[in-house]
Amino acid sequence: MASRWLHISRSSHHFRIHTDTTDFFRVEYGDVVLLGGRPYLIRHNAKEGRFGLDDEVKFWVKRAIDLKSESPKIIKLVFYEKFMAHIGGIPFECYRSPRKEARILDLVADHKNFMHGYSIEDVKGNLVRVLDFIKGKPLSHHVADMDMDHQTYLYDQFPGILKHFMECIDAVRFLHNHGEKHGDIRRDHILIDRDSGRYRWIDYDFNYRHRENIFGYDLFGLGNILVFLVGMGDVLLDDLREFQTLTGILP
């Protein structure tokens, strides 16, 4: 089953088959993860793509091949971490929650603006998420790769982008109406599906301890993306002040 995916020099490869994924560092290239009797051939570790962490390896997230369907998958193994985020001096305790992501995968199984997949426990009870691979690039890369001035972008490209982004906002409202939050809304967490052209949210495993408003952090993230889309990139307050000083015009 795996031979077509292996280099000819590895035709005599001896597989390590994992049914326990607790130590995700041990799950490496060429291994097979067996989940519910279904084998997945591990290819590569995924990498982080933003916030100064470009190409940092995420050892708990594996690119894989479903050896029964021969389709590409993303396998997210259980990894717990906590960190503090700050917005306007207000701290948020953030953490990873595999069970939250599993709940949302069930909730959005038929929704066109989300990634799809399923969750399953390994033999040790680790809640692994098996995700359908989305062919396409992040919205952030799509905008950054446009070779045109801002005015041309604003009139020719932005209206179509905004229409798709409004669908993404409505998709987040769908989560909120069901008492769930995305938890990690970023412009690189929207993929443009090459097959359908749809904008699709990915990565739901972050959660945070909310205060007055359970959805506050999500709403901040949506506003941050909107600023990026309107500005055709990051526009900071210092940039606006400099523009005003040079031109005397409020942007």
C-alpha atoms as a PDB file:
ATOM      1  CA  MET A   1       0.000   0.000   0.000  1.00  0.00           C
ATOM      2  CA  ALA A   2       2.829   2.394   0.781  1.00  0.00           C
ATOM      3  CA  SER A   3       5.284   1.376  -1.937  1.00  0.00           C
ATOM      4  CA  ARG A   4       4.175   3.982  -4.496  1.00  0.00           C
ATOM      5  CA  TRP A   5       4.912   6.768  -2.007  1.00  0.00           C
ATOM      6  CA  LEU A   6       8.414   5.597  -1.084  1.00  0.00           C
ATOM      7  CA  HIS A   7      11.639   6.403  -2.912  1.00  0.00           C
ATOM      8  CA  ILE A   8      12.999   3.447  -4.862  1.00  0.00           C
ATOM      9  CA  SER A   9      16.039   3.296  -2.566  1.00  0.00           C
ATOM     10  CA  ARG A  10      13.647   2.721   0.359  1.00  0.00           C
ATOM     11  CA  SER A  11      11.820  -0.226  -1.204  1.00  0.00           C
ATOM     12  CA  SER A  12      13.024  -2.443   1.631  1.00  0.00           C
ATOM     13  CA  HIS A  13      11.956   0.101   4.243  1.00  0.00           C
ATOM     14  CA  HIS A  14      10.966  -1.402   7.593  1.00  0.00           C
ATOM     15  CA  PHE A  15       7.912   0.417   8.873  1.00  0.00           C
ATOM     16  CA  ARG A  16       7.411   1.567  12.398  1.00  0.00           C
ATOM     17  CA  ILE A  17       3.693   1.326  13.062  1.00  0.00           C
ATOM     18  CA  HIS A  18       2.286   3.592  15.766  1.00  0.00           C
ATOM     19  CA  THR A  19      -0.982   2.985  17.562  1.00  0.00           C
ATOM     20  CA  ASP A  20       0.107   5.193  20.499  1.00  0.00           C
ATOM     21  CA  THR A  21       0.858   8.786  19.426  1.00  0.00           C
ATOM     22  CA  THR A  22       1.583  10.191  22.888  1.00  0.00           C
ATOM     23  CA  ASP A  23       5.228  10.925  22.025  1.00  0.00           C
ATOM     24  CA  PHE A  24       4.694  12.714  18.711  1.00  0.00           C
ATOM     25  CA  PHE A  25       8.449  13.274  18.295  1.00  0.00           C
ATOM     26  CA  ARG A  26       8.780   9.524  17.643  1.00  0.00           C
ATOM     27  CA  VAL A  27       6.343   9.669  14.722  1.00  0.00           C
ATOM     28  CA  GLU A  28       8.646  10.363  11.793  1.00  0.00           C
ATOM     29  CA  TYR A  29       8.875  10.313   8.006  1.00  0.00           C
ATOM     30  CA  GLY A  30       8.064   6.891   6.572  1.00  0.00           C
ATOM     31  CA  ASP A  31       6.254   5.670   9.702  1.00  0.00           C
ATOM     32  CA  VAL A  32       2.653   4.503   9.674  1.00  0.00           C
ATOM     33  CA  VAL A  33       0.055   5.690  12.165  1.00  0.00           C
ATOM     34  CA  LEU A  34      -2.821   3.266  12.634  1.00  0.00           C
ATOM     35  CA  LEU A  35      -6.067   4.901  13.768  1.00  0.00           C
ATOM     36  CA  GLY A  36      -9.229   2.837  14.058  1.00  0.00           C
ATOM     37  CA  GLY A  37      -7.706   0.246  11.744  1.00  0.00           C
ATOM     38  CA  ARG A  38      -6.953   2.846   9.056  1.00  0.00           C
ATOM     39  CA  PRO A  39      -3.274   3.316   8.105  1.00  0.00           C
ATOM     40  CA  TYR A  40      -1.694   6.720   7.439  1.00  0.00           C
ATOM     41  CA  LEU A  41       1.792   7.035   5.963  1.00  0.00           C
ATOM     42  CA  ILE A  42       3.647   9.961   7.535  1.00  0.00           C
ATOM     43  CA  ARG A  43       5.376  12.288   5.097  1.00  0.00           C
ATOM     44  CA  HIS A  44       6.560  15.526   6.704  1.00  0.00           C
ATOM     45  CA  ASN A  45       6.005  17.769   9.704  1.00  0.00           C
ATOM     46  CA  ALA A  46       4.018  20.931   9.099  1.00  0.00           C
ATOM     47  CA  LYS A  47       5.652  24.313   9.655  1.00  0.00           C
ATOM     48  CA  GLU A  48       4.569  27.593  11.196  1.00  0.00           C
ATOM     49  CA  GLY A  49       4.143  30.429   8.736  1.00  0.00           C
ATOM     50  CA  ARG A  50       3.750  33.704  10.598  1.00  0.00           C
ATOM     51  CA  PHE A  51       4.597  35.985  13.544  1.00  0.00           C
ATOM     52  CA  GLY A  52       8.340  35.644  13.149  1.00  0.00           C
ATOM     53  CA  LEU A  53       8.135  31.845  13.378  1.00  0.00           C
ATOM     54  CA  ASP A  54       8.430  31.173   9.645  1.00  0.00           C
ATOM     55  CA  ASP A  55       9.453  27.578   8.947  1.00  0.00           C
ATOM     56  CA  GLU A  56       9.457  26.610  12.627  1.00  0.00           C
ATOM     57  CA  VAL A  57       8.585  22.904  12.644  1.00  0.00           C
ATOM     58  CA  LYS A  58       5.324  21.851  14.310  1.00  0.00           C
ATOM     59  CA  PHE A  59       6.219  18.304  15.292  1.00  0.00           C
ATOM     60  CA  TRP A  60       2.671  17.471  16.407  1.00  0.00           C
ATOM     61  CA  VAL A  61       1.194  18.272  12.978  1.00  0.00           C
ATOM     62  CA  LYS A  62       1.965  15.723  10.260  1.00  0.00           C
ATOM     63  CA  ARG A  63       1.373  15.644   6.534  1.00  0.00           C
ATOM     64  CA  ALA A  64       0.242  12.143   5.686  1.00  0.00           C
ATOM     65  CA  ILE A  65      -1.307   9.860   3.075  1.00  0.00           C
ATOM     66  CA  ASP A  66      -4.435   7.825   3.804  1.00  0.00           C
ATOM     67  CA  LEU A  67      -3.242   4.484   2.453  1.00  0.00           C
ATOM     68  CA  LYS A  68      -6.789   3.235   1.822  1.00  0.00           C
ATOM     69  CA  SER A  69      -8.121   6.229  -0.111  1.00  0.00           C
ATOM     70  CA  GLU A  70      -4.664   7.456  -1.252  1.00  0.00           C
ATOM     71  CA  SER A  71      -5.721  10.999  -0.371  1.00  0.00           C
ATOM     72  CA  PRO A  72      -3.495  13.564   1.394  1.00  0.00           C
ATOM     73  CA  LYS A  73      -4.325  14.357   4.995  1.00  0.00           C
ATOM     74  CA  ILE A  74      -3.150  16.573   7.837  1.00  0.00           C
ATOM     75  CA  ILE A  75      -2.889  14.673  11.121  1.00  0.00           C
ATOM     76  CA  LYS A  76      -2.865  16.737  14.318  1.00  0.00           C
ATOM     77  CA  LEU A  77      -1.570  14.837  17.315  1.00  0.00           C
ATOM     78  CA  VAL A  78      -2.263  15.880  20.879  1.00  0.00           C
ATOM     79  CA  PHE A  79      -0.066  18.735  22.068  1.00  0.00           C
ATOM     80  CA  TYR A  80      -0.904  20.904  25.063  1.00  0.00           C
ATOM     81  CA  GLU A  81       0.587  24.356  25.465  1.00  0.00           C
ATOM     82  CA  LYS A  82      -0.344  27.570  27.242  1.00  0.00           C
ATOM     83  CA  PHE A  83       0.763  31.138  26.635  1.00  0.00           C
ATOM     84  CA  MET A  84      -0.360  34.696  27.376  1.00  0.00           C
ATOM     85  CA  ALA A  85      -1.558  37.027  24.618  1.00  0.00           C
ATOM     86  CA  HIS A  86      -2.106  40.765  25.094  1.00  0.00           C
ATOM     87  CA  ILE A  87      -4.487  43.159  23.381  1.00  0.00           C
ATOM     88  CA  GLY A  88      -4.300  46.780  24.454  1.00  0.00           C
ATOM     89  CA  GLY A  89      -2.653  45.760  27.711  1.00  0.00           C
ATOM     90  CA  ILE A  90      -5.357  43.183  28.483  1.00  0.00           C
ATOM     91  CA  PRO A  91      -3.894  39.694  28.995  1.00  0.00           C
ATOM     92  CA  PHE A  92      -5.563  36.552  27.642  1.00  0.00           C
ATOM     93  CA  GLU A  93      -4.558  33.074  28.726  1.00  0.00           C
ATOM     94  CA  CYS A  94      -4.523  30.918  25.580  1.00  0.00           C
ATOM     95  CA  TYR A  95      -4.154  27.159  25.362  1.00  0.00           C
ATOM     96  CA  ARG A  96      -4.597  24.274  22.939  1.00  0.00           C
ATOM     97  CA  SER A  97      -7.707  22.121  23.237  1.00  0.00           C
ATOM     98  CA  PRO A  98      -7.972  19.039  20.993  1.00  0.00           C
ATOM     99  CA  ARG A  99     -11.515  18.418  22.234  1.00  0.00           C
ATOM    100  CA  LYS A 100     -12.638  21.894  21.205  1.00  0.00           C
ATOM    101  CA  GLU A 101     -11.309  21.324  17.692  1.00  0.00           C
ATOM    102  CA  ALA A 102     -12.999  17.913  17.577  1.00  0.00           C
ATOM    103  CA  ARG A 103     -16.346  19.490  18.564  1.00  0.00           C
ATOM    104  CA  ILE A 104     -16.031  22.138  15.872  1.00  0.00           C
ATOM    105  CA  LEU A 105     -15.090  19.599  13.203  1.00  0.00           C
ATOM    106  CA  ASP A 106     -18.360  17.812  13.955  1.00  0.00           C
ATOM    107  CA  LEU A 107     -20.291  21.092  13.943  1.00  0.00           C
ATOM    108  CA  VAL A 108     -18.954  22.383  10.599  1.00  0.00           C
ATOM    109  CA  ALA A 109     -18.867  19.058   8.729  1.00  0.00           C
ATOM    110  CA  ASP A 110     -21.257  20.393   6.064  1.00  0.00           C
ATOM    111  CA  HIS A 111     -20.189  24.057   6.096  1.00  0.00           C
ATOM    112  CA  LYS A 112     -18.414  25.281   2.958  1.00  0.00           C
ATOM    113  CA  ASN A 113     -16.249  27.881   4.720  1.00  0.00           C
ATOM    114  CA  PHE A 114     -14.393  25.553   7.099  1.00  0.00           C
ATOM    115  CA  MET A 115     -11.802  22.829   6.843  1.00  0.00           C
ATOM    116  CA  HIS A 116     -13.254  19.355   7.296  1.00  0.00           C
ATOM    117  CA  GLY A 117     -12.116  16.195   9.001  1.00  0.00           C
ATOM    118  CA  TYR A 118     -12.813  13.945  11.936  1.00  0.00           C
ATOM    119  CA  SER A 119     -11.383  13.047  15.336  1.00  0.00           C
ATOM    120  CA  ILE A 120     -10.496   9.631  16.683  1.00  0.00           C
ATOM    121  CA  GLU A 121      -8.776   8.348  19.809  1.00  0.00           C
ATOM    122  CA  ASP A 122      -5.631   6.265  19.570  1.00  0.00           C
ATOM    123  CA  VAL A 123      -5.091   3.250  21.841  1.00  0.00           C
ATOM    124  CA  LYS A 124      -3.980   5.549  24.683  1.00  0.00           C
ATOM    125  CA  GLY A 125      -6.973   7.870  24.425  1.00  0.00           C
ATOM    126  CA  ASN A 126      -5.172  10.710  22.627  1.00  0.00           C
ATOM    127  CA  LEU A 127      -7.733  12.606  20.547  1.00  0.00           C
ATOM    128  CA  VAL A 128      -6.151  12.766  17.088  1.00  0.00           C
ATOM    129  CA  ARG A 129      -7.686  14.936  14.365  1.00  0.00           C
ATOM    130  CA  VAL A 130      -7.482  13.760  10.752  1.00  0.00           C
ATOM    131  CA  LEU A 131      -8.059  16.657   8.353  1.00  0.00           C
ATOM    132  CA  ASP A 132      -8.759  16.822   4.646  1.00  0.00           C
ATOM    133  CA  PHE A 133      -5.928  18.589   2.846  1.00  0.00           C
ATOM    134  CA  ILE A 134      -7.002  21.887   1.244  1.00  0.00           C
ATOM    135  CA  LYS A 135      -5.183  22.746  -1.973  1.00  0.00           C
ATOM    136  CA  GLY A 136      -4.570  26.476  -1.953  1.00  0.00           C
ATOM    137  CA  LYS A 137      -2.636  29.265  -0.320  1.00  0.00           C
ATOM    138  CA  PRO A 138      -3.425  31.507   2.652  1.00  0.00           C
ATOM    139  CA  LEU A 139      -5.374  34.704   2.070  1.00  0.00           C
ATOM    140  CA  SER A 140      -2.388  36.663   3.410  1.00  0.00           C
ATOM    141  CA  HIS A 141      -0.121  35.300   0.656  1.00  0.00           C
ATOM    142  CA  HIS A 142      -2.779  35.918  -1.995  1.00  0.00           C
ATOM    143  CA  VAL A 143      -2.912  39.623  -1.123  1.00  0.00           C
ATOM    144  CA  ALA A 144       0.828  40.024  -0.553  1.00  0.00           C
ATOM    145  CA  ASP A 145       1.621  38.478  -3.958  1.00  0.00           C
ATOM    146  CA  MET A 146      -0.436  41.035  -5.899  1.00  0.00           C
ATOM    147  CA  ASP A 147       1.850  43.234  -7.984  1.00  0.00           C
ATOM    148  CA  MET A 148      -0.112  46.492  -8.280  1.00  0.00           C
ATOM    149  CA  ASP A 149      -0.535  49.833  -6.585  1.00  0.00           C
ATOM    150  CA  HIS A 150      -2.998  50.224  -3.751  1.00  0.00           C
ATOM    151  CA  GLN A 151      -5.571  52.233  -5.704  1.00  0.00           C
ATOM    152  CA  THR A 152      -5.772  49.616  -8.449  1.00  0.00           C
ATOM    153  CA  TYR A 153      -6.062  46.906  -5.810  1.00  0.00           C
ATOM    154  CA  LEU A 154      -8.770  48.768  -3.914  1.00  0.00           C
ATOM    155  CA  TYR A 155     -11.020  49.209  -6.958  1.00  0.00           C
ATOM    156  CA  ASP A 156     -10.258  46.055  -8.964  1.00  0.00           C
ATOM    157  CA  GLN A 157      -9.466  43.333  -6.413  1.00  0.00           C
ATOM    158  CA  PHE A 158     -10.737  44.347  -2.993  1.00  0.00           C
ATOM    159  CA  PRO A 159     -14.514  44.144  -3.740  1.00  0.00           C
ATOM    160  CA  GLY A 160     -14.245  40.450  -4.656  1.00  0.00           C
ATOM    161  CA  ILE A 161     -11.985  39.716  -1.709  1.00  0.00           C
ATOM    162  CA  LEU A 162     -14.365  41.522   0.652  1.00  0.00           C
ATOM    163  CA  LYS A 163     -17.326  39.505  -0.642  1.00  0.00           C
ATOM    164  CA  HIS A 164     -15.523  36.258   0.181  1.00  0.00           C
ATOM    165  CA  PHE A 165     -14.353  37.622   3.538  1.00  0.00           C
ATOM    166  CA  MET A 166     -17.945  38.499   4.446  1.00  0.00           C
ATOM    167  CA  GLU A 167     -18.718  34.798   4.021  1.00  0.00           C
ATOM    168  CA  CYS A 168     -15.908  34.068   6.487  1.00  0.00           C
ATOM    169  CA  ILE A 169     -17.375  36.532   8.973  1.00  0.00           C
ATOM    170  CA  ASP A 170     -20.769  34.869   8.618  1.00  0.00           C
ATOM    171  CA  ALA A 171     -19.094  31.503   9.194  1.00  0.00           C
ATOM    172  CA  VAL A 172     -17.632  32.774  12.483  1.00  0.00           C
ATOM    173  CA  ARG A 173     -21.115  33.995  13.439  1.00  0.00           C
ATOM    174  CA  PHE A 174     -22.291  30.419  12.794  1.00  0.00           C
ATOM    175  CA  LEU A 175     -19.770  29.219  15.394  1.00  0.00           C
ATOM    176  CA  HIS A 176     -20.786  31.905  17.866  1.00  0.00           C
ATOM    177  CA  ASN A 177     -24.474  31.110  17.440  1.00  0.00           C
ATOM    178  CA  HIS A 178     -23.635  27.562  18.493  1.00  0.00           C
ATOM    179  CA  GLY A 179     -21.682  28.699  21.557  1.00  0.00           C
ATOM    180  CA  GLU A 180     -18.243  28.043  20.036  1.00  0.00           C
ATOM    181  CA  LYS A 181     -15.363  30.353  19.159  1.00  0.00           C
ATOM    182  CA  HIS A 182     -12.624  29.909  16.579  1.00  0.00           C
ATOM    183  CA  GLY A 183      -9.941  31.005  19.029  1.00  0.00           C
ATOM    184  CA  ASP A 184      -7.116  31.785  16.607  1.00  0.00           C
ATOM    185  CA  ILE A 185      -8.446  34.093  13.906  1.00  0.00           C
ATOM    186  CA  ARG A 186      -5.566  35.206  11.688  1.00  0.00           C
ATOM    187  CA  ARG A 187      -5.255  36.108   8.026  1.00  0.00           C
ATOM    188  CA  ASP A 188      -3.137  33.017   7.362  1.00  0.00           C
ATOM    189  CA  HIS A 189      -5.854  30.843   8.878  1.00  0.00           C
ATOM    190  CA  ILE A 190      -8.058  31.472   5.856  1.00  0.00           C
ATOM    191  CA  LEU A 191      -7.113  29.263   2.908  1.00  0.00           C
ATOM    192  CA  ILE A 192      -8.395  29.932  -0.598  1.00  0.00           C
ATOM    193  CA  ASP A 193      -9.558  26.558  -1.869  1.00  0.00           C
ATOM    194  CA  ARG A 194      -8.079  26.131  -5.341  1.00  0.00           C
ATOM    195  CA  ASP A 195     -10.833  23.719  -6.393  1.00  0.00           C
ATOM    196  CA  SER A 196     -13.900  25.671  -5.259  1.00  0.00           C
ATOM    197  CA  GLY A 197     -12.550  29.226  -4.867  1.00  0.00           C
ATOM    198  CA  ARG A 198     -14.079  29.331  -1.376  1.00  0.00           C
ATOM    199  CA  TYR A 199     -12.336  30.983   1.567  1.00  0.00           C
ATOM    200  CA  ARG A 200     -12.074  28.382   4.331  1.00  0.00           C
ATOM    201  CA  TRP A 201     -11.137  28.711   8.002  1.00  0.00           C
ATOM    202  CA  ILE A 202      -8.542  26.297   9.401  1.00  0.00           C
ATOM    203  CA  ASP A 203      -7.117  25.459  12.860  1.00  0.00           C
ATOM    204  CA  TYR A 204      -9.688  25.486  15.669  1.00  0.00           C
ATOM    205  CA  ASP A 205      -7.628  24.007  18.496  1.00  0.00           C
ATOM    206  CA  PHE A 206      -6.752  27.257  20.255  1.00  0.00           C
ATOM    207  CA  ASN A 207      -8.982  28.356  23.105  1.00  0.00           C
ATOM    208  CA  TYR A 208      -8.756  31.217  25.559  1.00  0.00           C
ATOM    209  CA  ARG A 209     -10.143  32.147  28.929  1.00  0.00           C
ATOM    210  CA  HIS A 210     -12.565  34.940  28.130  1.00  0.00           C
ATOM    211  CA  ARG A 211     -13.672  37.735  30.383  1.00  0.00           C
ATOM    212  CA  GLU A 212     -16.803  39.843  29.823  1.00  0.00           C
ATOM    213  CA  ASN A 213     -17.302  38.688  26.239  1.00  0.00           C
ATOM    214  CA  ILE A 214     -16.711  35.083  25.196  1.00  0.00           C
ATOM    215  CA  PHE A 215     -16.223  36.187  21.570  1.00  0.00           C
ATOM    216  CA  GLY A 216     -14.062  39.288  22.110  1.00  0.00           C
ATOM    217  CA  TYR A 217     -10.769  37.805  20.913  1.00  0.00           C
ATOM    218  CA  ASP A 218     -12.429  36.422  17.774  1.00  0.00           C
ATOM    219  CA  LEU A 219     -13.905  39.838  16.953  1.00  0.00           C
ATOM    220  CA  PHE A 220     -10.531  41.512  17.373  1.00  0.00           C
ATOM    221  CA  GLY A 221      -9.042  38.993  14.957  1.00  0.00           C
ATOM    222  CA  LEU A 222     -11.713  39.701  12.334  1.00  0.00           C
ATOM    223  CA  GLY A 223     -11.052  43.443  12.588  1.00  0.00           C
ATOM    224  CA  ASN A 224      -7.333  42.856  12.264  1.00  0.00           C
ATOM    225  CA  ILE A 225      -7.845  40.886   9.041  1.00  0.00           C
ATOM    226  CA  LEU A 226     -10.159  43.576   7.647  1.00  0.00           C
ATOM    227  CA  VAL A 227      -7.505  46.257   8.242  1.00  0.00           C
ATOM    228  CA  PHE A 228      -4.954  44.077   6.443  1.00  0.00           C
ATOM    229  CA  LEU A 229      -7.275  43.545   3.473  1.00  0.00           C
ATOM    230  CA  VAL A 230      -8.244  47.199   3.104  1.00  0.00           C
ATOM    231  CA  GLY A 231      -4.644  48.351   3.456  1.00  0.00           C
ATOM    232  CA  MET A 232      -3.269  45.644   1.122  1.00  0.00           C
ATOM    233  CA  GLY A 233      -0.887  44.790   3.939  1.00  0.00           C
ATOM    234  CA  ASP A 234      -0.105  45.824   7.477  1.00  0.00           C
ATOM    235  CA  VAL A 235      -0.931  49.466   8.197  1.00  0.00           C
ATOM    236  CA  LEU A 236       0.239  50.669  11.612  1.00  0.00           C
ATOM    237  CA  LEU A 237      -0.638  53.845  13.468  1.00  0.00           C
ATOM    238  CA  ASP A 238       2.909  55.121  12.975  1.00  0.00           C
ATOM    239  CA  ASP A 239       2.440  54.712   9.202  1.00  0.00           C
ATOM    240  CA  LEU A 240      -0.748  56.774   9.302  1.00  0.00           C
ATOM    241  CA  ARG A 241       0.874  59.514  11.393  1.00  0.00           C
ATOM    242  CA  GLU A 242       3.823  59.695   8.987  1.00  0.00           C
ATOM    243  CA  PHE A 243       1.435  59.907   6.036  1.00  0.00           C
ATOM    244  CA  GLN A 244      -0.450  62.736   7.718  1.00  0.00           C
ATOM    245  CA  THR A 245       2.769  64.610   8.532  1.00  0.00           C
ATOM    246  CA  LEU A 246       4.025  64.375   4.956  1.00  0.00           C
ATOM    247  CA  THR A 247       0.763  65.204   3.206  1.00  0.00           C
ATOM    248  CA  GLY A 248      -1.332  67.068   5.735  1.00  0.00           C
ATOM    249  CA  ILE A 249      -4.149  64.716   4.781  1.00  0.00           C
ATOM    250  CA  LEU A 250      -5.912  62.311   7.069  1.00  0.00           C
ATOM    251  CA  PRO A 251      -5.658  58.869   5.415  1.00  0.00           C
END
